[in-house]
Structures are given as C-alpha cells and as structure tokens.
C-alpha cells in the first residue's frame, strides 16, 4: 500500500483521477460499441476500443481547453493512458472467447 501511496504522491491526484476517468469513459463507450454489433470478428472487437479512446481524447481536450484556466497536456495523456487497461480487458475477453469456441468445437468431434 505504501508503494501505491508513493506513486500517487509522485504523479499527483489529478493525474490519477484523469487516468481513472479516462478508463471509465473508454470502457463504457467501447462496451456499448462492441455490444451494439453482434457479428464482430475478434480483431474488430479489440479495435472497437479505439472508438472509446477517440472519445476520451476529444472529451479530454474539450475539458482542458474549455474548463481549465491552463491547458495541461499531461492530463490529456493520463486520460488516454487510462484506455490501456480497457484494451487489455477486451483483448483477454476476446481471447478467452476464441479459446472457448475452439475447445467447444473439439468436444463436439469426440
């Protein structure tokens, strides 16, 4: 826990909140995009996270330019970095889905 506290103190609460907020927005937009289409290939599912990443990028720039007195581009970067765990989660979920389909088809052969 002390290591996490040191990391938060080093990068700042604001950057951590941008990272978490960016990840939340990215995941919501990405999952809506993935669930809207039902016949996506595995690569299309993973690349659908780009829709969420672009949304986070646009919203972060709008927030920094319109709502803040001084534009901090590291806040935008922290928000976009929050999309990385979403890419990992969707990639792992897609991989598990492909593996389950593969093993399901093998079981049907025997």
PDB file of N, CA and C in Angstrom:
ATOM      1  N   UNK A   1       0.818  -1.188   0.000  1.00  0.00           N
ATOM      2  CA  UNK A   1       0.000   0.000   0.000  1.00  0.00           C
ATOM      3  C   UNK A   1       0.864   1.255   0.000  1.00  0.00           C
ATOM      4  N   UNK A   2       1.996   1.163   0.663  1.00  0.00           N
ATOM      5  CA  UNK A   2       2.892   2.306   0.724  1.00  0.00           C
ATOM      6  C   UNK A   2       3.436   2.639  -0.671  1.00  0.00           C
ATOM      7  N   UNK A   3       3.675   1.608  -1.475  1.00  0.00           N
ATOM      8  CA  UNK A   3       4.164   1.835  -2.832  1.00  0.00           C
ATOM      9  C   UNK A   3       3.123   2.574  -3.656  1.00  0.00           C
ATOM     10  N   UNK A   4       1.856   2.201  -3.498  1.00  0.00           N
ATOM     11  CA  UNK A   4       0.780   2.884  -4.215  1.00  0.00           C
ATOM     12  C   UNK A   4       0.658   4.329  -3.759  1.00  0.00           C
ATOM     13  N   UNK A   5       0.770   4.554  -2.470  1.00  0.00           N
ATOM     14  CA  UNK A   5       0.732   5.931  -1.955  1.00  0.00           C
ATOM     15  C   UNK A   5       1.885   6.765  -2.508  1.00  0.00           C
ATOM     16  N   UNK A   6       3.078   6.171  -2.575  1.00  0.00           N
ATOM     17  CA  UNK A   6       4.222   6.889  -3.127  1.00  0.00           C
ATOM     18  C   UNK A   6       4.011   7.223  -4.596  1.00  0.00           C
ATOM     19  N   UNK A   7       3.424   6.283  -5.360  1.00  0.00           N
ATOM     20  CA  UNK A   7       3.152   6.539  -6.777  1.00  0.00           C
ATOM     21  C   UNK A   7       2.149   7.669  -6.947  1.00  0.00           C
ATOM     22  N   UNK A   8       1.085   7.634  -6.144  1.00  0.00           N
ATOM     23  CA  UNK A   8       0.066   8.690  -6.238  1.00  0.00           C
ATOM     24  C   UNK A   8       0.665  10.032  -5.850  1.00  0.00           C
ATOM     25  N   UNK A   9       1.500  10.075  -4.831  1.00  0.00           N
ATOM     26  CA  UNK A   9       2.142  11.323  -4.435  1.00  0.00           C
ATOM     27  C   UNK A   9       3.097  11.823  -5.513  1.00  0.00           C
ATOM     28  N   UNK A  10       3.721  10.897  -6.224  1.00  0.00           N
ATOM     29  CA  UNK A  10       4.680  11.292  -7.251  1.00  0.00           C
ATOM     30  C   UNK A  10       3.990  11.882  -8.480  1.00  0.00           C
ATOM     31  N   UNK A  11       2.924  11.226  -8.957  1.00  0.00           N
ATOM     32  CA  UNK A  11       2.256  11.713 -10.173  1.00  0.00           C
ATOM     33  C   UNK A  11       1.159  12.720  -9.877  1.00  0.00           C
ATOM     34  N   UNK A  12       0.616  12.684  -8.689  1.00  0.00           N
ATOM     35  CA  UNK A  12      -0.414  13.645  -8.303  1.00  0.00           C
ATOM     36  C   UNK A  12      -1.812  13.057  -8.413  1.00  0.00           C
ATOM     37  N   UNK A  13      -2.668  13.507  -7.511  1.00  0.00           N
ATOM     38  CA  UNK A  13      -4.054  13.034  -7.501  1.00  0.00           C
ATOM     39  C   UNK A  13      -4.782  13.373  -8.789  1.00  0.00           C
ATOM     40  N   UNK A  14      -4.497  14.521  -9.352  1.00  0.00           N
ATOM     41  CA  UNK A  14      -5.180  14.960 -10.567  1.00  0.00           C
ATOM     42  C   UNK A  14      -4.912  13.994 -11.730  1.00  0.00           C
ATOM     43  N   UNK A  15      -3.680  13.567 -11.879  1.00  0.00           N
ATOM     44  CA  UNK A  15      -3.337  12.645 -12.973  1.00  0.00           C
ATOM     45  C   UNK A  15      -3.968  11.271 -12.751  1.00  0.00           C
ATOM     46  N   UNK A  16      -4.014  10.827 -11.505  1.00  0.00           N
ATOM     47  CA  UNK A  16      -4.641   9.541 -11.190  1.00  0.00           C
ATOM     48  C   UNK A  16      -6.134   9.608 -11.505  1.00  0.00           C
ATOM     49  N   UNK A  17      -6.789  10.709 -11.156  1.00  0.00           N
ATOM     50  CA  UNK A  17      -8.205  10.859 -11.463  1.00  0.00           C
ATOM     51  C   UNK A  17      -8.453  10.935 -12.965  1.00  0.00           C
ATOM     52  N   UNK A  18      -7.562  11.579 -13.703  1.00  0.00           N
ATOM     53  CA  UNK A  18      -7.690  11.607 -15.166  1.00  0.00           C
ATOM     54  C   UNK A  18      -7.533  10.203 -15.746  1.00  0.00           C
ATOM     55  N   UNK A  19      -6.584   9.442 -15.223  1.00  0.00           N
ATOM     56  CA  UNK A  19      -6.377   8.061 -15.672  1.00  0.00           C
ATOM     57  C   UNK A  19      -7.626   7.219 -15.420  1.00  0.00           C
ATOM     58  N   UNK A  20      -8.164   7.295 -14.207  1.00  0.00           N
ATOM     59  CA  UNK A  20      -9.348   6.509 -13.860  1.00  0.00           C
ATOM     60  C   UNK A  20     -10.586   6.962 -14.627  1.00  0.00           C
ATOM     61  N   UNK A  21     -10.757   8.265 -14.765  1.00  0.00           N
ATOM     62  CA  UNK A  21     -11.895   8.784 -15.527  1.00  0.00           C
ATOM     63  C   UNK A  21     -11.813   8.419 -16.995  1.00  0.00           C
ATOM     64  N   UNK A  22     -10.610   8.513 -17.560  1.00  0.00           N
ATOM     65  CA  UNK A  22     -10.427   8.122 -18.957  1.00  0.00           C
ATOM     66  C   UNK A  22     -10.719   6.648 -19.166  1.00  0.00           C
ATOM     67  N   UNK A  23     -10.284   5.816 -18.232  1.00  0.00           N
ATOM     68  CA  UNK A  23     -10.558   4.380 -18.326  1.00  0.00           C
ATOM     69  C   UNK A  23     -12.045   4.083 -18.229  1.00  0.00           C
ATOM     70  N   UNK A  24     -12.748   4.788 -17.337  1.00  0.00           N
ATOM     71  CA  UNK A  24     -14.182   4.578 -17.185  1.00  0.00           C
ATOM     72  C   UNK A  24     -14.941   4.977 -18.445  1.00  0.00           C
ATOM     73  N   UNK A  25     -14.656   6.156 -18.965  1.00  0.00           N
ATOM     74  CA  UNK A  25     -15.336   6.619 -20.178  1.00  0.00           C
ATOM     75  C   UNK A  25     -15.008   5.712 -21.352  1.00  0.00           C
ATOM     76  N   UNK A  26     -13.743   5.344 -21.484  1.00  0.00           N
ATOM     77  CA  UNK A  26     -13.325   4.471 -22.581  1.00  0.00           C
ATOM     78  C   UNK A  26     -14.039   3.127 -22.500  1.00  0.00           C
ATOM     79  N   UNK A  27     -14.136   2.559 -21.303  1.00  0.00           N
ATOM     80  CA  UNK A  27     -14.779   1.251 -21.174  1.00  0.00           C
ATOM     81  C   UNK A  27     -16.272   1.339 -21.490  1.00  0.00           C
ATOM     82  N   UNK A  28     -16.946   2.365 -21.008  1.00  0.00           N
ATOM     83  CA  UNK A  28     -18.376   2.493 -21.283  1.00  0.00           C
ATOM     84  C   UNK A  28     -18.653   2.640 -22.772  1.00  0.00           C
ATOM     85  N   UNK A  29     -17.941   3.531 -23.429  1.00  0.00           N
ATOM     86  CA  UNK A  29     -18.160   3.753 -24.859  1.00  0.00           C
ATOM     87  C   UNK A  29     -17.773   2.519 -25.659  1.00  0.00           C
ATOM     88  N   UNK A  30     -16.670   1.877 -25.299  1.00  0.00           N
ATOM     89  CA  UNK A  30     -16.199   0.699 -26.034  1.00  0.00           C
ATOM     90  C   UNK A  30     -17.165  -0.473 -25.890  1.00  0.00           C
ATOM     91  N   UNK A  31     -17.638  -0.714 -24.690  1.00  0.00           N
ATOM     92  CA  UNK A  31     -18.545  -1.846 -24.493  1.00  0.00           C
ATOM     93  C   UNK A  31     -19.877  -1.616 -25.184  1.00  0.00           C
ATOM     94  N   UNK A  32     -20.364  -0.390 -25.209  1.00  0.00           N
ATOM     95  CA  UNK A  32     -21.582  -0.096 -25.965  1.00  0.00           C
ATOM     96  C   UNK A  32     -21.348  -0.355 -27.451  1.00  0.00           C
ATOM     97  N   UNK A  33     -20.200   0.060 -27.958  1.00  0.00           N
ATOM     98  CA  UNK A  33     -19.885  -0.158 -29.385  1.00  0.00           C
ATOM     99  C   UNK A  33     -19.760  -1.641 -29.700  1.00  0.00           C
ATOM    100  N   UNK A  34     -19.151  -2.412 -28.800  1.00  0.00           N
ATOM    101  CA  UNK A  34     -18.972  -3.848 -29.031  1.00  0.00           C
ATOM    102  C   UNK A  34     -20.313  -4.572 -28.949  1.00  0.00           C
ATOM    103  N   UNK A  35     -21.130  -4.232 -27.961  1.00  0.00           N
ATOM    104  CA  UNK A  35     -22.400  -4.920 -27.783  1.00  0.00           C
ATOM    105  C   UNK A  35     -23.445  -4.526 -28.821  1.00  0.00           C
ATOM    106  N   UNK A  36     -23.273  -3.365 -29.437  1.00  0.00           N
ATOM    107  CA  UNK A  36     -24.224  -2.940 -30.457  1.00  0.00           C
ATOM    108  C   UNK A  36     -24.142  -3.839 -31.685  1.00  0.00           C
ATOM    109  N   UNK A  37     -22.945  -4.221 -32.046  1.00  0.00           N
ATOM    110  CA  UNK A  37     -22.738  -5.108 -33.191  1.00  0.00           C
ATOM    111  C   UNK A  37     -22.565  -6.524 -32.673  1.00  0.00           C
ATOM    112  N   UNK A  38     -23.245  -7.480 -33.253  1.00  0.00           N
ATOM    113  CA  UNK A  38     -23.175  -8.841 -32.737  1.00  0.00           C
ATOM    114  C   UNK A  38     -22.304  -9.768 -33.570  1.00  0.00           C
ATOM    115  N   UNK A  39     -21.889  -9.381 -34.744  1.00  0.00           N
ATOM    116  CA  UNK A  39     -21.088 -10.256 -35.596  1.00  0.00           C
ATOM    117  C   UNK A  39     -19.682  -9.701 -35.817  1.00  0.00           C
ATOM    118  N   UNK A  40     -19.059  -9.214 -34.778  1.00  0.00           N
ATOM    119  CA  UNK A  40     -17.710  -8.677 -34.916  1.00  0.00           C
ATOM    120  C   UNK A  40     -16.693  -9.811 -34.851  1.00  0.00           C
ATOM    121  N   UNK A  41     -15.668  -9.702 -35.677  1.00  0.00           N
ATOM    122  CA  UNK A  41     -14.555 -10.636 -35.580  1.00  0.00           C
ATOM    123  C   UNK A  41     -13.741 -10.274 -34.337  1.00  0.00           C
ATOM    124  N   UNK A  42     -12.878 -11.173 -33.880  1.00  0.00           N
ATOM    125  CA  UNK A  42     -12.065 -10.831 -32.699  1.00  0.00           C
ATOM    126  C   UNK A  42     -11.245  -9.556 -32.887  1.00  0.00           C
ATOM    127  N   UNK A  43     -10.681  -9.346 -34.062  1.00  0.00           N
ATOM    128  CA  UNK A  43      -9.899  -8.124 -34.277  1.00  0.00           C
ATOM    129  C   UNK A  43     -10.782  -6.889 -34.257  1.00  0.00           C
ATOM    130  N   UNK A  44     -11.995  -7.014 -34.751  1.00  0.00           N
ATOM    131  CA  UNK A  44     -12.915  -5.881 -34.720  1.00  0.00           C
ATOM    132  C   UNK A  44     -13.349  -5.558 -33.290  1.00  0.00           C
ATOM    133  N   UNK A  45     -13.489  -6.586 -32.464  1.00  0.00           N
ATOM    134  CA  UNK A  45     -13.848  -6.349 -31.069  1.00  0.00           C
ATOM    135  C   UNK A  45     -12.755  -5.560 -30.350  1.00  0.00           C
ATOM    136  N   UNK A  46     -11.519  -5.984 -30.548  1.00  0.00           N
ATOM    137  CA  UNK A  46     -10.405  -5.293 -29.883  1.00  0.00           C
ATOM    138  C   UNK A  46     -10.240  -3.885 -30.443  1.00  0.00           C
ATOM    139  N   UNK A  47     -10.380  -3.742 -31.755  1.00  0.00           N
ATOM    140  CA  UNK A  47     -10.204  -2.410 -32.348  1.00  0.00           C
ATOM    141  C   UNK A  47     -11.388  -1.492 -32.069  1.00  0.00           C
ATOM    142  N   UNK A  48     -12.505  -2.033 -31.588  1.00  0.00           N
ATOM    143  CA  UNK A  48     -13.632  -1.187 -31.204  1.00  0.00           C
ATOM    144  C   UNK A  48     -13.275  -0.304 -30.013  1.00  0.00           C
ATOM    145  N   UNK A  49     -12.252  -0.680 -29.271  1.00  0.00           N
ATOM    146  CA  UNK A  49     -11.811   0.149 -28.141  1.00  0.00           C
ATOM    147  C   UNK A  49     -11.258   1.483 -28.649  1.00  0.00           C
ATOM    148  N   UNK A  50     -10.859   1.528 -29.903  1.00  0.00           N
ATOM    149  CA  UNK A  50     -10.398   2.808 -30.474  1.00  0.00           C
ATOM    150  C   UNK A  50     -11.516   3.851 -30.480  1.00  0.00           C
ATOM    151  N   UNK A  51     -12.762   3.398 -30.600  1.00  0.00           N
ATOM    152  CA  UNK A  51     -13.892   4.336 -30.527  1.00  0.00           C
ATOM    153  C   UNK A  51     -13.915   4.996 -29.154  1.00  0.00           C
ATOM    154  N   UNK A  52     -13.732   4.196 -28.110  1.00  0.00           N
ATOM    155  CA  UNK A  52     -13.677   4.755 -26.758  1.00  0.00           C
ATOM    156  C   UNK A  52     -12.467   5.636 -26.542  1.00  0.00           C
ATOM    157  N   UNK A  53     -11.329   5.239 -27.124  1.00  0.00           N
ATOM    158  CA  UNK A  53     -10.104   6.029 -26.975  1.00  0.00           C
ATOM    159  C   UNK A  53     -10.242   7.384 -27.658  1.00  0.00           C
ATOM    160  N   UNK A  54     -10.819   7.396 -28.841  1.00  0.00           N
ATOM    161  CA  UNK A  54     -11.040   8.663 -29.557  1.00  0.00           C
ATOM    162  C   UNK A  54     -12.011   9.543 -28.775  1.00  0.00           C
ATOM    163  N   UNK A  55     -13.040   8.938 -28.198  1.00  0.00           N
ATOM    164  CA  UNK A  55     -13.992   9.705 -27.381  1.00  0.00           C
ATOM    165  C   UNK A  55     -13.296  10.336 -26.176  1.00  0.00           C
ATOM    166  N   UNK A  56     -12.445   9.561 -25.518  1.00  0.00           N
ATOM    167  CA  UNK A  56     -11.700  10.085 -24.368  1.00  0.00           C
ATOM    168  C   UNK A  56     -10.788  11.222 -24.809  1.00  0.00           C
ATOM    169  N   UNK A  57     -10.120  11.057 -25.939  1.00  0.00           N
ATOM    170  CA  UNK A  57      -9.220  12.097 -26.448  1.00  0.00           C
ATOM    171  C   UNK A  57      -9.976  13.399 -26.692  1.00  0.00           C
ATOM    172  N   UNK A  58     -11.116  13.302 -27.373  1.00  0.00           N
ATOM    173  CA  UNK A  58     -11.900  14.505 -27.688  1.00  0.00           C
ATOM    174  C   UNK A  58     -12.431  15.155 -26.413  1.00  0.00           C
ATOM    175  N   UNK A  59     -12.998  14.340 -25.509  1.00  0.00           N
ATOM    176  CA  UNK A  59     -13.530  14.900 -24.267  1.00  0.00           C
ATOM    177  C   UNK A  59     -12.434  15.505 -23.392  1.00  0.00           C
ATOM    178  N   UNK A  60     -11.262  14.890 -23.371  1.00  0.00           N
ATOM    179  CA  UNK A  60     -10.149  15.420 -22.565  1.00  0.00           C
ATOM    180  C   UNK A  60      -9.675  16.763 -23.091  1.00  0.00           C
ATOM    181  N   UNK A  61      -9.555  16.867 -24.401  1.00  0.00           N
ATOM    182  CA  UNK A  61      -9.130  18.149 -24.981  1.00  0.00           C
ATOM    183  C   UNK A  61     -10.181  19.215 -24.720  1.00  0.00           C
ATOM    184  N   UNK A  62     -11.453  18.859 -24.896  1.00  0.00           N
ATOM    185  CA  UNK A  62     -12.521  19.840 -24.638  1.00  0.00           C
ATOM    186  C   UNK A  62     -12.492  20.301 -23.179  1.00  0.00           C
ATOM    187  N   UNK A  63     -12.293  19.360 -22.264  1.00  0.00           N
ATOM    188  CA  UNK A  63     -12.250  19.714 -20.841  1.00  0.00           C
ATOM    189  C   UNK A  63     -11.070  20.618 -20.534  1.00  0.00           C
ATOM    190  N   UNK A  64      -9.914  20.287 -21.080  1.00  0.00           N
ATOM    191  CA  UNK A  64      -8.710  21.076 -20.794  1.00  0.00           C
ATOM    192  C   UNK A  64      -8.792  22.480 -21.397  1.00  0.00           C
ATOM    193  N   UNK A  65      -9.322  22.569 -22.592  1.00  0.00           N
ATOM    194  CA  UNK A  65      -9.369  23.868 -23.266  1.00  0.00           C
ATOM    195  C   UNK A  65     -10.498  24.741 -22.723  1.00  0.00           C
ATOM    196  N   UNK A  66     -11.668  24.142 -22.497  1.00  0.00           N
ATOM    197  CA  UNK A  66     -12.830  24.940 -22.126  1.00  0.00           C
ATOM    198  C   UNK A  66     -13.000  25.142 -20.621  1.00  0.00           C
ATOM    199  N   UNK A  67     -12.671  24.136 -19.823  1.00  0.00           N
ATOM    200  CA  UNK A  67     -12.987  24.212 -18.402  1.00  0.00           C
ATOM    201  C   UNK A  67     -11.818  24.654 -17.520  1.00  0.00           C
ATOM    202  N   UNK A  68     -10.607  24.438 -17.965  1.00  0.00           N
ATOM    203  CA  UNK A  68      -9.449  24.782 -17.140  1.00  0.00           C
ATOM    204  C   UNK A  68      -8.845  26.110 -17.570  1.00  0.00           C
ATOM    205  N   UNK A  69      -8.213  26.784 -16.595  1.00  0.00           N
ATOM    206  CA  UNK A  69      -7.557  28.048 -16.899  1.00  0.00           C
ATOM    207  C   UNK A  69      -6.305  27.833 -17.744  1.00  0.00           C
ATOM    208  N   UNK A  70      -5.561  26.789 -17.412  1.00  0.00           N
ATOM    209  CA  UNK A  70      -4.322  26.487 -18.121  1.00  0.00           C
ATOM    210  C   UNK A  70      -4.411  25.066 -18.668  1.00  0.00           C
ATOM    211  N   UNK A  71      -4.117  24.899 -19.955  1.00  0.00           N
ATOM    212  CA  UNK A  71      -4.186  23.589 -20.585  1.00  0.00           C
ATOM    213  C   UNK A  71      -2.992  22.747 -20.158  1.00  0.00           C
ATOM    214  N   UNK A  72      -3.280  21.593 -19.564  1.00  0.00           N
ATOM    215  CA  UNK A  72      -2.241  20.662 -19.130  1.00  0.00           C
ATOM    216  C   UNK A  72      -2.336  19.411 -20.012  1.00  0.00           C
ATOM    217  N   UNK A  73      -1.406  19.274 -20.933  1.00  0.00           N
ATOM    218  CA  UNK A  73      -1.440  18.171 -21.885  1.00  0.00           C
ATOM    219  C   UNK A  73      -1.113  16.837 -21.223  1.00  0.00           C
ATOM    220  N   UNK A  74      -0.495  16.876 -20.058  1.00  0.00           N
ATOM    221  CA  UNK A  74      -0.259  15.632 -19.325  1.00  0.00           C
ATOM    222  C   UNK A  74      -1.565  15.063 -18.757  1.00  0.00           C
ATOM    223  N   UNK A  75      -2.544  15.924 -18.502  1.00  0.00           N
ATOM    224  CA  UNK A  75      -3.865  15.441 -18.111  1.00  0.00           C
ATOM    225  C   UNK A  75      -4.517  14.674 -19.257  1.00  0.00           C
ATOM    226  N   UNK A  76      -4.382  15.196 -20.471  1.00  0.00           N
ATOM    227  CA  UNK A  76      -4.918  14.507 -21.649  1.00  0.00           C
ATOM    228  C   UNK A  76      -4.211  13.168 -21.822  1.00  0.00           C
ATOM    229  N   UNK A  77      -2.898  13.164 -21.666  1.00  0.00           N
ATOM    230  CA  UNK A  77      -2.132  11.928 -21.785  1.00  0.00           C
ATOM    231  C   UNK A  77      -2.546  10.909 -20.724  1.00  0.00           C
ATOM    232  N   UNK A  78      -2.746  11.370 -19.492  1.00  0.00           N
ATOM    233  CA  UNK A  78      -3.167  10.465 -18.417  1.00  0.00           C
ATOM    234  C   UNK A  78      -4.538   9.865 -18.721  1.00  0.00           C
ATOM    235  N   UNK A  79      -5.428  10.668 -19.286  1.00  0.00           N
ATOM    236  CA  UNK A  79      -6.752  10.158 -19.646  1.00  0.00           C
ATOM    237  C   UNK A  79      -6.664   9.093 -20.727  1.00  0.00           C
ATOM    238  N   UNK A  80      -5.836   9.323 -21.710  1.00  0.00           N
ATOM    239  CA  UNK A  80      -5.689   8.355 -22.805  1.00  0.00           C
ATOM    240  C   UNK A  80      -5.002   7.087 -22.302  1.00  0.00           C
ATOM    241  N   UNK A  81      -4.036   7.230 -21.405  1.00  0.00           N
ATOM    242  CA  UNK A  81      -3.380   6.048 -20.832  1.00  0.00           C
ATOM    243  C   UNK A  81      -4.364   5.192 -20.042  1.00  0.00           C
ATOM    244  N   UNK A  82      -5.440   5.800 -19.567  1.00  0.00           N
ATOM    245  CA  UNK A  82      -6.478   5.045 -18.881  1.00  0.00           C
ATOM    246  C   UNK A  82      -7.192   4.061 -19.786  1.00  0.00           C
ATOM    247  N   UNK A  83      -7.045   4.217 -21.093  1.00  0.00           N
ATOM    248  CA  UNK A  83      -7.671   3.296 -22.046  1.00  0.00           C
ATOM    249  C   UNK A  83      -6.879   1.999 -22.205  1.00  0.00           C
ATOM    250  N   UNK A  84      -5.642   1.972 -21.766  1.00  0.00           N
ATOM    251  CA  UNK A  84      -4.815   0.764 -21.919  1.00  0.00           C
ATOM    252  C   UNK A  84      -5.412  -0.435 -21.189  1.00  0.00           C
ATOM    253  N   UNK A  85      -5.863  -0.289 -19.930  1.00  0.00           N
ATOM    254  CA  UNK A  85      -6.491  -1.452 -19.287  1.00  0.00           C
ATOM    255  C   UNK A  85      -7.746  -1.943 -20.015  1.00  0.00           C
ATOM    256  N   UNK A  86      -8.426  -1.052 -20.697  1.00  0.00           N
ATOM    257  CA  UNK A  86      -9.621  -1.457 -21.458  1.00  0.00           C
ATOM    258  C   UNK A  86      -9.199  -2.312 -22.650  1.00  0.00           C
ATOM    259  N   UNK A  87      -8.134  -1.901 -23.350  1.00  0.00           N
ATOM    260  CA  UNK A  87      -7.603  -2.729 -24.438  1.00  0.00           C
ATOM    261  C   UNK A  87      -7.221  -4.114 -23.924  1.00  0.00           C
ATOM    262  N   UNK A  88      -6.576  -4.156 -22.761  1.00  0.00           N
ATOM    263  CA  UNK A  88      -6.147  -5.446 -22.189  1.00  0.00           C
ATOM    264  C   UNK A  88      -7.367  -6.297 -21.835  1.00  0.00           C
ATOM    265  N   UNK A  89      -8.372  -5.696 -21.203  1.00  0.00           N
ATOM    266  CA  UNK A  89      -9.558  -6.446 -20.787  1.00  0.00           C
ATOM    267  C   UNK A  89     -10.324  -6.991 -21.990  1.00  0.00           C
ATOM    268  N   UNK A  90     -10.518  -6.161 -22.999  1.00  0.00           N
ATOM    269  CA  UNK A  90     -11.237  -6.614 -24.188  1.00  0.00           C
ATOM    270  C   UNK A  90     -10.414  -7.658 -24.935  1.00  0.00           C
ATOM    271  N   UNK A  91      -9.107  -7.472 -25.001  1.00  0.00           N
ATOM    272  CA  UNK A  91      -8.251  -8.460 -25.655  1.00  0.00           C
ATOM    273  C   UNK A  91      -8.296  -9.805 -24.954  1.00  0.00           C
ATOM    274  N   UNK A  92      -8.223  -9.799 -23.610  1.00  0.00           N
ATOM    275  CA  UNK A  92      -8.310 -11.048 -22.860  1.00  0.00           C
ATOM    276  C   UNK A  92      -9.677 -11.708 -23.003  1.00  0.00           C
ATOM    277  N   UNK A  93     -10.726 -10.904 -22.941  1.00  0.00           N
ATOM    278  CA  UNK A  93     -12.075 -11.451 -23.107  1.00  0.00           C
ATOM    279  C   UNK A  93     -12.279 -12.060 -24.478  1.00  0.00           C
ATOM    280  N   UNK A  94     -11.772 -11.397 -25.501  1.00  0.00           N
ATOM    281  CA  UNK A  94     -11.876 -11.920 -26.858  1.00  0.00           C
ATOM    282  C   UNK A  94     -11.057 -13.193 -27.006  1.00  0.00           C
ATOM    283  N   UNK A  95      -9.874 -13.209 -26.423  1.00  0.00           N
ATOM    284  CA  UNK A  95      -9.020 -14.396 -26.490  1.00  0.00           C
ATOM    285  C   UNK A  95      -9.688 -15.586 -25.803  1.00  0.00           C
ATOM    286  N   UNK A  96     -10.259 -15.354 -24.612  1.00  0.00           N
ATOM    287  CA  UNK A  96     -10.965 -16.433 -23.908  1.00  0.00           C
ATOM    288  C   UNK A  96     -12.163 -16.922 -24.717  1.00  0.00           C
ATOM    289  N   UNK A  97     -12.860 -16.006 -25.378  1.00  0.00           N
ATOM    290  CA  UNK A  97     -13.999 -16.387 -26.206  1.00  0.00           C
ATOM    291  C   UNK A  97     -13.551 -17.256 -27.373  1.00  0.00           C
ATOM    292  N   UNK A  98     -12.469 -16.875 -28.025  1.00  0.00           N
ATOM    293  CA  UNK A  98     -11.947 -17.664 -29.143  1.00  0.00           C
ATOM    294  C   UNK A  98     -11.505 -19.040 -28.648  1.00  0.00           C
ATOM    295  N   UNK A  99     -10.816 -19.087 -27.516  1.00  0.00           N
ATOM    296  CA  UNK A  99     -10.389 -20.376 -26.969  1.00  0.00           C
ATOM    297  C   UNK A  99     -11.574 -21.258 -26.597  1.00  0.00           C
ATOM    298  N   UNK A 100     -12.619 -20.680 -26.014  1.00  0.00           N
ATOM    299  CA  UNK A 100     -13.779 -21.488 -25.642  1.00  0.00           C
ATOM    300  C   UNK A 100     -14.488 -22.026 -26.877  1.00  0.00           C
ATOM    301  N   UNK A 101     -14.547 -21.227 -27.938  1.00  0.00           N
ATOM    302  CA  UNK A 101     -15.148 -21.713 -29.181  1.00  0.00           C
ATOM    303  C   UNK A 101     -14.295 -22.829 -29.786  1.00  0.00           C
ATOM    304  N   UNK A 102     -13.006 -22.693 -29.695  1.00  0.00           N
ATOM    305  CA  UNK A 102     -12.100 -23.704 -30.223  1.00  0.00           C
ATOM    306  C   UNK A 102     -12.275 -25.017 -29.471  1.00  0.00           C
ATOM    307  N   UNK A 103     -12.283 -24.948 -28.133  1.00  0.00           N
ATOM    308  CA  UNK A 103     -12.409 -26.161 -27.333  1.00  0.00           C
ATOM    309  C   UNK A 103     -13.822 -26.736 -27.409  1.00  0.00           C
ATOM    310  N   UNK A 104     -14.815 -25.885 -27.598  1.00  0.00           N
ATOM    311  CA  UNK A 104     -16.181 -26.376 -27.755  1.00  0.00           C
ATOM    312  C   UNK A 104     -16.296 -27.192 -29.031  1.00  0.00           C
ATOM    313  N   UNK A 105     -15.679 -26.742 -30.107  1.00  0.00           N
ATOM    314  CA  UNK A 105     -15.724 -27.472 -31.377  1.00  0.00           C
ATOM    315  C   UNK A 105     -14.942 -28.775 -31.291  1.00  0.00           C
ATOM    316  N   UNK A 106     -13.868 -28.809 -30.522  1.00  0.00           N
ATOM    317  CA  UNK A 106     -13.111 -30.053 -30.353  1.00  0.00           C
ATOM    318  C   UNK A 106     -13.954 -31.073 -29.589  1.00  0.00           C
ATOM    319  N   UNK A 107     -14.677 -30.616 -28.552  1.00  0.00           N
ATOM    320  CA  UNK A 107     -15.501 -31.527 -27.771  1.00  0.00           C
ATOM    321  C   UNK A 107     -16.629 -32.121 -28.624  1.00  0.00           C
ATOM    322  N   UNK A 108     -17.122 -31.385 -29.579  1.00  0.00           N
ATOM    323  CA  UNK A 108     -18.184 -31.904 -30.432  1.00  0.00           C
ATOM    324  C   UNK A 108     -17.692 -32.992 -31.358  1.00  0.00           C
ATOM    325  N   UNK A 109     -16.403 -33.031 -31.629  1.00  0.00           N
ATOM    326  CA  UNK A 109     -15.855 -34.045 -32.530  1.00  0.00           C
ATOM    327  C   UNK A 109     -15.751 -35.406 -31.857  1.00  0.00           C
ATOM    328  N   UNK A 110     -15.672 -35.456 -30.537  1.00  0.00           N
ATOM    329  CA  UNK A 110     -15.454 -36.733 -29.832  1.00  0.00           C
ATOM    330  C   UNK A 110     -16.726 -37.284 -29.264  1.00  0.00           C
TER     331      UNK A 110
END
